């Protein structure tokens, strides 16, 4: 069900804050951004395919709306052990996939 292109997001994982990379263009080398915190007002630079954060995300925040409008995956990781596994992938080519838990 759905468009497979919208279910998988791939790129090189980098630990950045979105505010540090505002105005940059990653179109030639897509990235997945891991960020500890989100302010909610950041824009998502071109070429960022997914933003994975430890922060809770307000679904009506600027960043959540931008992510939806640009088909960028925005995911929040609440589990500390899982977050440690996520940030351990810094610099690696990663693929984030949306899957059913059933």
PDB file of N, CA and C in Angstrom:
ATOM      1  N   UNK A   1       0.858  -1.176   0.000  1.00  0.00           N
ATOM      2  CA  UNK A   1       0.000   0.000   0.000  1.00  0.00           C
ATOM      3  C   UNK A   1       0.900   1.233   0.000  1.00  0.00           C
ATOM      4  N   UNK A   2       0.557   2.226  -0.792  1.00  0.00           N
ATOM      5  CA  UNK A   2       1.316   3.468  -0.800  1.00  0.00           C
ATOM      6  C   UNK A   2       2.456   3.438  -1.787  1.00  0.00           C
ATOM      7  N   UNK A   3       3.153   4.537  -1.849  1.00  0.00           N
ATOM      8  CA  UNK A   3       4.276   4.715  -2.755  1.00  0.00           C
ATOM      9  C   UNK A   3       5.553   4.254  -2.068  1.00  0.00           C
ATOM     10  N   UNK A   4       6.206   3.246  -2.600  1.00  0.00           N
ATOM     11  CA  UNK A   4       7.420   2.707  -1.982  1.00  0.00           C
ATOM     12  C   UNK A   4       8.495   3.774  -1.841  1.00  0.00           C
ATOM     13  N   UNK A   5       8.522   4.755  -2.730  1.00  0.00           N
ATOM     14  CA  UNK A   5       9.520   5.823  -2.645  1.00  0.00           C
ATOM     15  C   UNK A   5       9.337   6.651  -1.385  1.00  0.00           C
ATOM     16  N   UNK A   6       8.160   6.658  -0.823  1.00  0.00           N
ATOM     17  CA  UNK A   6       7.908   7.436   0.388  1.00  0.00           C
ATOM     18  C   UNK A   6       8.097   6.612   1.648  1.00  0.00           C
ATOM     19  N   UNK A   7       8.426   5.354   1.504  1.00  0.00           N
ATOM     20  CA  UNK A   7       8.560   4.484   2.657  1.00  0.00           C
ATOM     21  C   UNK A   7      10.001   4.198   3.041  1.00  0.00           C
ATOM     22  N   UNK A   8      10.956   4.588   2.225  1.00  0.00           N
ATOM     23  CA  UNK A   8      12.365   4.359   2.523  1.00  0.00           C
ATOM     24  C   UNK A   8      13.139   5.649   2.315  1.00  0.00           C
ATOM     25  N   UNK A   9      13.980   5.963   3.279  1.00  0.00           N
ATOM     26  CA  UNK A   9      14.777   7.188   3.244  1.00  0.00           C
ATOM     27  C   UNK A   9      16.220   6.780   3.494  1.00  0.00           C
ATOM     28  N   UNK A  10      17.121   7.177   2.603  1.00  0.00           N
ATOM     29  CA  UNK A  10      18.505   6.736   2.740  1.00  0.00           C
ATOM     30  C   UNK A  10      19.460   7.904   2.566  1.00  0.00           C
ATOM     31  N   UNK A  11      20.589   7.780   3.187  1.00  0.00           N
ATOM     32  CA  UNK A  11      21.637   8.785   3.071  1.00  0.00           C
ATOM     33  C   UNK A  11      22.722   8.491   4.080  1.00  0.00           C
ATOM     34  N   UNK A  12      23.738   9.325   4.109  1.00  0.00           N
ATOM     35  CA  UNK A  12      24.813   9.188   5.083  1.00  0.00           C
ATOM     36  C   UNK A  12      24.344   9.845   6.379  1.00  0.00           C
ATOM     37  N   UNK A  13      24.473   9.131   7.474  1.00  0.00           N
ATOM     38  CA  UNK A  13      24.037   9.643   8.765  1.00  0.00           C
ATOM     39  C   UNK A  13      25.045  10.637   9.315  1.00  0.00           C
ATOM     40  N   UNK A  14      24.548  11.762   9.789  1.00  0.00           N
ATOM     41  CA  UNK A  14      25.411  12.763  10.406  1.00  0.00           C
ATOM     42  C   UNK A  14      24.734  13.304  11.650  1.00  0.00           C
ATOM     43  N   UNK A  15      25.519  13.479  12.697  1.00  0.00           N
ATOM     44  CA  UNK A  15      24.996  14.085  13.911  1.00  0.00           C
ATOM     45  C   UNK A  15      25.199  15.588  13.787  1.00  0.00           C
ATOM     46  N   UNK A  16      24.122  16.283  13.600  1.00  0.00           N
ATOM     47  CA  UNK A  16      24.125  17.737  13.418  1.00  0.00           C
ATOM     48  C   UNK A  16      22.885  18.280  14.097  1.00  0.00           C
ATOM     49  N   UNK A  17      22.863  19.575  14.309  1.00  0.00           N
ATOM     50  CA  UNK A  17      21.595  20.202  14.639  1.00  0.00           C
ATOM     51  C   UNK A  17      21.145  20.879  13.363  1.00  0.00           C
ATOM     52  N   UNK A  18      19.849  20.935  13.158  1.00  0.00           N
ATOM     53  CA  UNK A  18      19.356  21.553  11.935  1.00  0.00           C
ATOM     54  C   UNK A  18      19.748  23.022  11.860  1.00  0.00           C
ATOM     55  N   UNK A  19      19.841  23.678  12.996  1.00  0.00           N
ATOM     56  CA  UNK A  19      20.236  25.093  12.960  1.00  0.00           C
ATOM     57  C   UNK A  19      21.667  25.264  12.452  1.00  0.00           C
ATOM     58  N   UNK A  20      22.535  24.280  12.673  1.00  0.00           N
ATOM     59  CA  UNK A  20      23.925  24.352  12.201  1.00  0.00           C
ATOM     60  C   UNK A  20      24.047  24.159  10.693  1.00  0.00           C
ATOM     61  N   UNK A  21      23.058  23.531  10.087  1.00  0.00           N
ATOM     62  CA  UNK A  21      23.164  23.245   8.651  1.00  0.00           C
ATOM     63  C   UNK A  21      22.136  24.021   7.822  1.00  0.00           C
ATOM     64  N   UNK A  22      21.510  25.036   8.415  1.00  0.00           N
ATOM     65  CA  UNK A  22      20.559  25.864   7.680  1.00  0.00           C
ATOM     66  C   UNK A  22      21.235  26.468   6.453  1.00  0.00           C
ATOM     67  N   UNK A  23      20.549  26.433   5.322  1.00  0.00           N
ATOM     68  CA  UNK A  23      21.075  27.028   4.099  1.00  0.00           C
ATOM     69  C   UNK A  23      21.995  26.122   3.302  1.00  0.00           C
ATOM     70  N   UNK A  24      22.381  24.981   3.845  1.00  0.00           N
ATOM     71  CA  UNK A  24      23.243  24.061   3.099  1.00  0.00           C
ATOM     72  C   UNK A  24      22.392  23.227   2.146  1.00  0.00           C
ATOM     73  N   UNK A  25      23.039  22.615   1.175  1.00  0.00           N
ATOM     74  CA  UNK A  25      22.348  21.795   0.188  1.00  0.00           C
ATOM     75  C   UNK A  25      23.039  20.444   0.107  1.00  0.00           C
ATOM     76  N   UNK A  26      22.322  19.402   0.455  1.00  0.00           N
ATOM     77  CA  UNK A  26      22.863  18.038   0.463  1.00  0.00           C
ATOM     78  C   UNK A  26      22.309  17.216  -0.693  1.00  0.00           C
ATOM     79  N   UNK A  27      21.774  17.884  -1.704  1.00  0.00           N
ATOM     80  CA  UNK A  27      21.158  17.180  -2.831  1.00  0.00           C
ATOM     81  C   UNK A  27      22.115  16.232  -3.531  1.00  0.00           C
ATOM     82  N   UNK A  28      23.387  16.585  -3.614  1.00  0.00           N
ATOM     83  CA  UNK A  28      24.355  15.734  -4.303  1.00  0.00           C
ATOM     84  C   UNK A  28      24.837  14.578  -3.425  1.00  0.00           C
ATOM     85  N   UNK A  29      24.610  14.670  -2.132  1.00  0.00           N
ATOM     86  CA  UNK A  29      24.999  13.610  -1.203  1.00  0.00           C
ATOM     87  C   UNK A  29      23.947  13.556  -0.096  1.00  0.00           C
ATOM     88  N   UNK A  30      22.800  12.909  -0.370  1.00  0.00           N
ATOM     89  CA  UNK A  30      21.707  12.890   0.599  1.00  0.00           C
ATOM     90  C   UNK A  30      22.154  12.435   1.984  1.00  0.00           C
ATOM     91  N   UNK A  31      21.523  13.008   2.997  1.00  0.00           N
ATOM     92  CA  UNK A  31      21.891  12.675   4.370  1.00  0.00           C
ATOM     93  C   UNK A  31      20.664  12.424   5.230  1.00  0.00           C
ATOM     94  N   UNK A  32      20.898  11.687   6.292  1.00  0.00           N
ATOM     95  CA  UNK A  32      19.943  11.492   7.365  1.00  0.00           C
ATOM     96  C   UNK A  32      20.519  12.233   8.556  1.00  0.00           C
ATOM     97  N   UNK A  33      19.768  13.173   9.080  1.00  0.00           N
ATOM     98  CA  UNK A  33      20.254  14.016  10.172  1.00  0.00           C
ATOM     99  C   UNK A  33      19.825  13.440  11.512  1.00  0.00           C
ATOM    100  N   UNK A  34      20.787  13.157  12.383  1.00  0.00           N
ATOM    101  CA  UNK A  34      20.516  12.765  13.761  1.00  0.00           C
ATOM    102  C   UNK A  34      20.734  13.996  14.617  1.00  0.00           C
ATOM    103  N   UNK A  35      19.752  14.396  15.381  1.00  0.00           N
ATOM    104  CA  UNK A  35      19.891  15.575  16.222  1.00  0.00           C
ATOM    105  C   UNK A  35      19.284  15.315  17.587  1.00  0.00           C
ATOM    106  N   UNK A  36      20.023  15.660  18.617  1.00  0.00           N
ATOM    107  CA  UNK A  36      19.547  15.466  19.987  1.00  0.00           C
ATOM    108  C   UNK A  36      18.302  16.311  20.249  1.00  0.00           C
ATOM    109  N   UNK A  37      18.323  17.557  19.770  1.00  0.00           N
ATOM    110  CA  UNK A  37      17.231  18.483  20.063  1.00  0.00           C
ATOM    111  C   UNK A  37      16.721  19.172  18.806  1.00  0.00           C
ATOM    112  N   UNK A  38      15.454  19.487  18.831  1.00  0.00           N
ATOM    113  CA  UNK A  38      14.830  20.294  17.787  1.00  0.00           C
ATOM    114  C   UNK A  38      14.161  21.483  18.460  1.00  0.00           C
ATOM    115  N   UNK A  39      14.310  22.643  17.845  1.00  0.00           N
ATOM    116  CA  UNK A  39      13.618  23.804  18.366  1.00  0.00           C
ATOM    117  C   UNK A  39      12.194  23.871  17.840  1.00  0.00           C
ATOM    118  N   UNK A  40      11.951  23.258  16.683  1.00  0.00           N
ATOM    119  CA  UNK A  40      10.630  23.251  16.094  1.00  0.00           C
ATOM    120  C   UNK A  40      10.448  24.258  14.980  1.00  0.00           C
ATOM    121  N   UNK A  41      11.327  25.267  14.911  1.00  0.00           N
ATOM    122  CA  UNK A  41      11.186  26.310  13.893  1.00  0.00           C
ATOM    123  C   UNK A  41      12.178  26.162  12.743  1.00  0.00           C
ATOM    124  N   UNK A  42      13.024  25.144  12.800  1.00  0.00           N
ATOM    125  CA  UNK A  42      14.047  24.964  11.775  1.00  0.00           C
ATOM    126  C   UNK A  42      13.444  24.605  10.429  1.00  0.00           C
ATOM    127  N   UNK A  43      14.171  24.983   9.372  1.00  0.00           N
ATOM    128  CA  UNK A  43      13.854  24.502   8.029  1.00  0.00           C
ATOM    129  C   UNK A  43      14.704  23.269   7.772  1.00  0.00           C
ATOM    130  N   UNK A  44      14.250  22.417   6.891  1.00  0.00           N
ATOM    131  CA  UNK A  44      14.994  21.209   6.539  1.00  0.00           C
ATOM    132  C   UNK A  44      15.734  21.482   5.237  1.00  0.00           C
ATOM    133  N   UNK A  45      17.068  21.440   5.262  1.00  0.00           N
ATOM    134  CA  UNK A  45      17.833  21.721   4.043  1.00  0.00           C
ATOM    135  C   UNK A  45      17.560  20.711   2.931  1.00  0.00           C
ATOM    136  N   UNK A  46      17.735  21.147   1.696  1.00  0.00           N
ATOM    137  CA  UNK A  46      17.598  20.272   0.530  1.00  0.00           C
ATOM    138  C   UNK A  46      18.550  19.092   0.669  1.00  0.00           C
ATOM    139  N   UNK A  47      18.082  17.912   0.317  1.00  0.00           N
ATOM    140  CA  UNK A  47      18.917  16.716   0.361  1.00  0.00           C
ATOM    141  C   UNK A  47      18.862  15.977   1.679  1.00  0.00           C
ATOM    142  N   UNK A  48      18.281  16.576   2.712  1.00  0.00           N
ATOM    143  CA  UNK A  48      18.086  15.841   3.961  1.00  0.00           C
ATOM    144  C   UNK A  48      16.859  14.963   3.757  1.00  0.00           C
ATOM    145  N   UNK A  49      17.043  13.668   3.850  1.00  0.00           N
ATOM    146  CA  UNK A  49      15.975  12.707   3.577  1.00  0.00           C
ATOM    147  C   UNK A  49      15.204  12.311   4.827  1.00  0.00           C
ATOM    148  N   UNK A  50      15.848  12.415   5.981  1.00  0.00           N
ATOM    149  CA  UNK A  50      15.190  12.069   7.239  1.00  0.00           C
ATOM    150  C   UNK A  50      15.846  12.847   8.372  1.00  0.00           C
ATOM    151  N   UNK A  51      15.044  13.180   9.365  1.00  0.00           N
ATOM    152  CA  UNK A  51      15.531  13.799  10.589  1.00  0.00           C
ATOM    153  C   UNK A  51      15.097  12.888  11.726  1.00  0.00           C
ATOM    154  N   UNK A  52      16.077  12.394  12.475  1.00  0.00           N
ATOM    155  CA  UNK A  52      15.805  11.514  13.604  1.00  0.00           C
ATOM    156  C   UNK A  52      16.293  12.253  14.844  1.00  0.00           C
ATOM    157  N   UNK A  53      15.407  12.391  15.829  1.00  0.00           N
ATOM    158  CA  UNK A  53      15.728  13.193  17.003  1.00  0.00           C
ATOM    159  C   UNK A  53      15.385  12.465  18.293  1.00  0.00           C
ATOM    160  N   UNK A  54      16.024  12.879  19.345  1.00  0.00           N
ATOM    161  CA  UNK A  54      15.697  12.376  20.681  1.00  0.00           C
ATOM    162  C   UNK A  54      14.577  13.211  21.289  1.00  0.00           C
ATOM    163  N   UNK A  55      14.365  14.411  20.778  1.00  0.00           N
ATOM    164  CA  UNK A  55      13.341  15.316  21.298  1.00  0.00           C
ATOM    165  C   UNK A  55      11.940  14.847  20.925  1.00  0.00           C
ATOM    166  N   UNK A  56      10.985  15.101  21.817  1.00  0.00           N
ATOM    167  CA  UNK A  56       9.597  14.886  21.399  1.00  0.00           C
ATOM    168  C   UNK A  56       9.252  15.898  20.305  1.00  0.00           C
ATOM    169  N   UNK A  57       8.374  15.530  19.406  1.00  0.00           N
ATOM    170  CA  UNK A  57       8.040  16.400  18.275  1.00  0.00           C
ATOM    171  C   UNK A  57       6.567  16.788  18.343  1.00  0.00           C
ATOM    172  N   UNK A  58       6.305  18.080  18.298  1.00  0.00           N
ATOM    173  CA  UNK A  58       4.937  18.582  18.218  1.00  0.00           C
ATOM    174  C   UNK A  58       4.499  18.435  16.769  1.00  0.00           C
ATOM    175  N   UNK A  59       3.442  17.671  16.532  1.00  0.00           N
ATOM    176  CA  UNK A  59       3.010  17.387  15.167  1.00  0.00           C
ATOM    177  C   UNK A  59       2.538  18.622  14.409  1.00  0.00           C
ATOM    178  N   UNK A  60       2.277  19.712  15.101  1.00  0.00           N
ATOM    179  CA  UNK A  60       1.864  20.950  14.449  1.00  0.00           C
ATOM    180  C   UNK A  60       2.986  21.980  14.398  1.00  0.00           C
ATOM    181  N   UNK A  61       4.194  21.579  14.777  1.00  0.00           N
ATOM    182  CA  UNK A  61       5.334  22.503  14.735  1.00  0.00           C
ATOM    183  C   UNK A  61       5.735  22.783  13.286  1.00  0.00           C
ATOM    184  N   UNK A  62       6.459  23.869  13.114  1.00  0.00           N
ATOM    185  CA  UNK A  62       6.951  24.255  11.791  1.00  0.00           C
ATOM    186  C   UNK A  62       7.725  23.105  11.153  1.00  0.00           C
ATOM    187  N   UNK A  63       8.622  22.486  11.909  1.00  0.00           N
ATOM    188  CA  UNK A  63       9.456  21.423  11.337  1.00  0.00           C
ATOM    189  C   UNK A  63       8.620  20.210  10.941  1.00  0.00           C
ATOM    190  N   UNK A  64       7.598  19.868  11.727  1.00  0.00           N
ATOM    191  CA  UNK A  64       6.764  18.723  11.386  1.00  0.00           C
ATOM    192  C   UNK A  64       5.971  18.986  10.109  1.00  0.00           C
ATOM    193  N   UNK A  65       5.463  20.193   9.967  1.00  0.00           N
ATOM    194  CA  UNK A  65       4.723  20.553   8.758  1.00  0.00           C
ATOM    195  C   UNK A  65       5.652  20.581   7.554  1.00  0.00           C
ATOM    196  N   UNK A  66       6.853  21.148   7.712  1.00  0.00           N
ATOM    197  CA  UNK A  66       7.838  21.155   6.610  1.00  0.00           C
ATOM    198  C   UNK A  66       8.199  19.735   6.201  1.00  0.00           C
ATOM    199  N   UNK A  67       8.413  18.868   7.178  1.00  0.00           N
ATOM    200  CA  UNK A  67       8.768  17.476   6.872  1.00  0.00           C
ATOM    201  C   UNK A  67       7.653  16.812   6.071  1.00  0.00           C
ATOM    202  N   UNK A  68       6.420  16.975   6.506  1.00  0.00           N
ATOM    203  CA  UNK A  68       5.294  16.379   5.774  1.00  0.00           C
ATOM    204  C   UNK A  68       5.202  16.929   4.356  1.00  0.00           C
ATOM    205  N   UNK A  69       5.352  18.239   4.212  1.00  0.00           N
ATOM    206  CA  UNK A  69       5.196  18.869   2.895  1.00  0.00           C
ATOM    207  C   UNK A  69       6.321  18.518   1.928  1.00  0.00           C
ATOM    208  N   UNK A  70       7.474  18.135   2.439  1.00  0.00           N
ATOM    209  CA  UNK A  70       8.621  17.831   1.572  1.00  0.00           C
ATOM    210  C   UNK A  70       8.952  16.340   1.547  1.00  0.00           C
ATOM    211  N   UNK A  71       8.065  15.501   2.104  1.00  0.00           N
ATOM    212  CA  UNK A  71       8.273  14.044   2.140  1.00  0.00           C
ATOM    213  C   UNK A  71       9.570  13.648   2.829  1.00  0.00           C
ATOM    214  N   UNK A  72       9.902  14.358   3.903  1.00  0.00           N
ATOM    215  CA  UNK A  72      11.066  14.029   4.726  1.00  0.00           C
ATOM    216  C   UNK A  72      10.559  13.285   5.960  1.00  0.00           C
ATOM    217  N   UNK A  73      11.170  12.154   6.259  1.00  0.00           N
ATOM    218  CA  UNK A  73      10.811  11.410   7.453  1.00  0.00           C
ATOM    219  C   UNK A  73      11.269  12.194   8.677  1.00  0.00           C
ATOM    220  N   UNK A  74      10.371  12.389   9.636  1.00  0.00           N
ATOM    221  CA  UNK A  74      10.705  13.011  10.916  1.00  0.00           C
ATOM    222  C   UNK A  74      10.330  12.014  11.994  1.00  0.00           C
ATOM    223  N   UNK A  75      11.323  11.518  12.716  1.00  0.00           N
ATOM    224  CA  UNK A  75      11.077  10.482  13.714  1.00  0.00           C
ATOM    225  C   UNK A  75      11.705  10.869  15.042  1.00  0.00           C
ATOM    226  N   UNK A  76      11.014  10.518  16.111  1.00  0.00           N
ATOM    227  CA  UNK A  76      11.498  10.780  17.459  1.00  0.00           C
ATOM    228  C   UNK A  76      11.798   9.452  18.142  1.00  0.00           C
ATOM    229  N   UNK A  77      12.940   9.382  18.810  1.00  0.00           N
ATOM    230  CA  UNK A  77      13.358   8.166  19.511  1.00  0.00           C
ATOM    231  C   UNK A  77      13.380   8.470  21.009  1.00  0.00           C
ATOM    232  N   UNK A  78      12.460   7.886  21.761  1.00  0.00           N
ATOM    233  CA  UNK A  78      12.365   8.150  23.192  1.00  0.00           C
ATOM    234  C   UNK A  78      13.250   7.221  24.024  1.00  0.00           C
ATOM    235  N   UNK A  79      13.530   6.045  23.504  1.00  0.00           N
ATOM    236  CA  UNK A  79      14.293   5.032  24.237  1.00  0.00           C
ATOM    237  C   UNK A  79      15.790   5.356  24.216  1.00  0.00           C
ATOM    238  N   UNK A  80      16.405   5.489  25.394  1.00  0.00           N
ATOM    239  CA  UNK A  80      17.826   5.855  25.489  1.00  0.00           C
ATOM    240  C   UNK A  80      18.746   4.832  24.833  1.00  0.00           C
ATOM    241  N   UNK A  81      18.461   3.549  25.008  1.00  0.00           N
ATOM    242  CA  UNK A  81      19.314   2.511  24.409  1.00  0.00           C
ATOM    243  C   UNK A  81      19.204   2.541  22.888  1.00  0.00           C
ATOM    244  N   UNK A  82      17.998   2.724  22.384  1.00  0.00           N
ATOM    245  CA  UNK A  82      17.822   2.814  20.935  1.00  0.00           C
ATOM    246  C   UNK A  82      18.509   4.057  20.387  1.00  0.00           C
ATOM    247  N   UNK A  83      18.415   5.176  21.097  1.00  0.00           N
ATOM    248  CA  UNK A  83      19.081   6.401  20.657  1.00  0.00           C
ATOM    249  C   UNK A  83      20.599   6.186  20.592  1.00  0.00           C
ATOM    250  N   UNK A  84      21.172   5.475  21.565  1.00  0.00           N
ATOM    251  CA  UNK A  84      22.610   5.179  21.549  1.00  0.00           C
ATOM    252  C   UNK A  84      22.968   4.377  20.298  1.00  0.00           C
ATOM    253  N   UNK A  85      22.121   3.431  19.907  1.00  0.00           N
ATOM    254  CA  UNK A  85      22.352   2.659  18.681  1.00  0.00           C
ATOM    255  C   UNK A  85      22.261   3.548  17.445  1.00  0.00           C
ATOM    256  N   UNK A  86      21.325   4.494  17.461  1.00  0.00           N
ATOM    257  CA  UNK A  86      21.157   5.407  16.331  1.00  0.00           C
ATOM    258  C   UNK A  86      22.403   6.267  16.159  1.00  0.00           C
ATOM    259  N   UNK A  87      22.860   6.923  17.213  1.00  0.00           N
ATOM    260  CA  UNK A  87      24.004   7.827  17.070  1.00  0.00           C
ATOM    261  C   UNK A  87      25.299   7.076  16.793  1.00  0.00           C
ATOM    262  N   UNK A  88      25.341   5.782  17.106  1.00  0.00           N
ATOM    263  CA  UNK A  88      26.523   4.979  16.791  1.00  0.00           C
ATOM    264  C   UNK A  88      26.698   4.819  15.285  1.00  0.00           C
ATOM    265  N   UNK A  89      25.657   5.118  14.506  1.00  0.00           N
ATOM    266  CA  UNK A  89      25.720   4.991  13.051  1.00  0.00           C
ATOM    267  C   UNK A  89      26.231   6.262  12.376  1.00  0.00           C
ATOM    268  N   UNK A  90      26.707   7.221  13.144  1.00  0.00           N
ATOM    269  CA  UNK A  90      27.215   8.469  12.576  1.00  0.00           C
ATOM    270  C   UNK A  90      28.269   8.195  11.504  1.00  0.00           C
ATOM    271  N   UNK A  91      28.075   8.781  10.339  1.00  0.00           N
ATOM    272  CA  UNK A  91      29.027   8.638   9.242  1.00  0.00           C
ATOM    273  C   UNK A  91      28.768   7.445   8.338  1.00  0.00           C
ATOM    274  N   UNK A  92      27.868   6.566   8.727  1.00  0.00           N
ATOM    275  CA  UNK A  92      27.565   5.387   7.919  1.00  0.00           C
ATOM    276  C   UNK A  92      26.424   5.680   6.954  1.00  0.00           C
ATOM    277  N   UNK A  93      26.352   4.908   5.878  1.00  0.00           N
ATOM    278  CA  UNK A  93      25.211   4.998   4.975  1.00  0.00           C
ATOM    279  C   UNK A  93      24.075   4.224   5.638  1.00  0.00           C
ATOM    280  N   UNK A  94      22.956   4.907   5.844  1.00  0.00           N
ATOM    281  CA  UNK A  94      21.828   4.278   6.537  1.00  0.00           C
ATOM    282  C   UNK A  94      20.581   4.330   5.680  1.00  0.00           C
ATOM    283  N   UNK A  95      19.651   3.449   6.007  1.00  0.00           N
ATOM    284  CA  UNK A  95      18.347   3.436   5.349  1.00  0.00           C
ATOM    285  C   UNK A  95      17.304   3.381   6.451  1.00  0.00           C
ATOM    286  N   UNK A  96      16.404   4.312   6.437  1.00  0.00           N
ATOM    287  CA  UNK A  96      15.279   4.325   7.379  1.00  0.00           C
ATOM    288  C   UNK A  96      14.057   3.862   6.608  1.00  0.00           C
ATOM    289  N   UNK A  97      13.373   2.877   7.140  1.00  0.00           N
ATOM    290  CA  UNK A  97      12.181   2.365   6.464  1.00  0.00           C
ATOM    291  C   UNK A  97      10.995   2.420   7.413  1.00  0.00           C
ATOM    292  N   UNK A  98       9.858   2.766   6.860  1.00  0.00           N
ATOM    293  CA  UNK A  98       8.623   2.766   7.616  1.00  0.00           C
ATOM    294  C   UNK A  98       8.003   1.385   7.447  1.00  0.00           C
ATOM    295  N   UNK A  99       7.834   0.687   8.571  1.00  0.00           N
ATOM    296  CA  UNK A  99       7.291  -0.669   8.512  1.00  0.00           C
ATOM    297  C   UNK A  99       6.160  -0.798   9.512  1.00  0.00           C
ATOM    298  N   UNK A 100       5.274  -1.729   9.244  1.00  0.00           N
ATOM    299  CA  UNK A 100       4.175  -2.026  10.130  1.00  0.00           C
ATOM    300  C   UNK A 100       4.696  -2.899  11.271  1.00  0.00           C
ATOM    301  N   UNK A 101       4.269  -2.605  12.489  1.00  0.00           N
ATOM    302  CA  UNK A 101       4.719  -3.383  13.636  1.00  0.00           C
ATOM    303  C   UNK A 101       3.973  -4.698  13.793  1.00  0.00           C
ATOM    304  N   UNK A 102       2.903  -4.891  13.060  1.00  0.00           N
ATOM    305  CA  UNK A 102       2.080  -6.094  13.231  1.00  0.00           C
ATOM    306  C   UNK A 102       2.774  -7.338  12.748  1.00  0.00           C
TER     307      UNK A 102
END
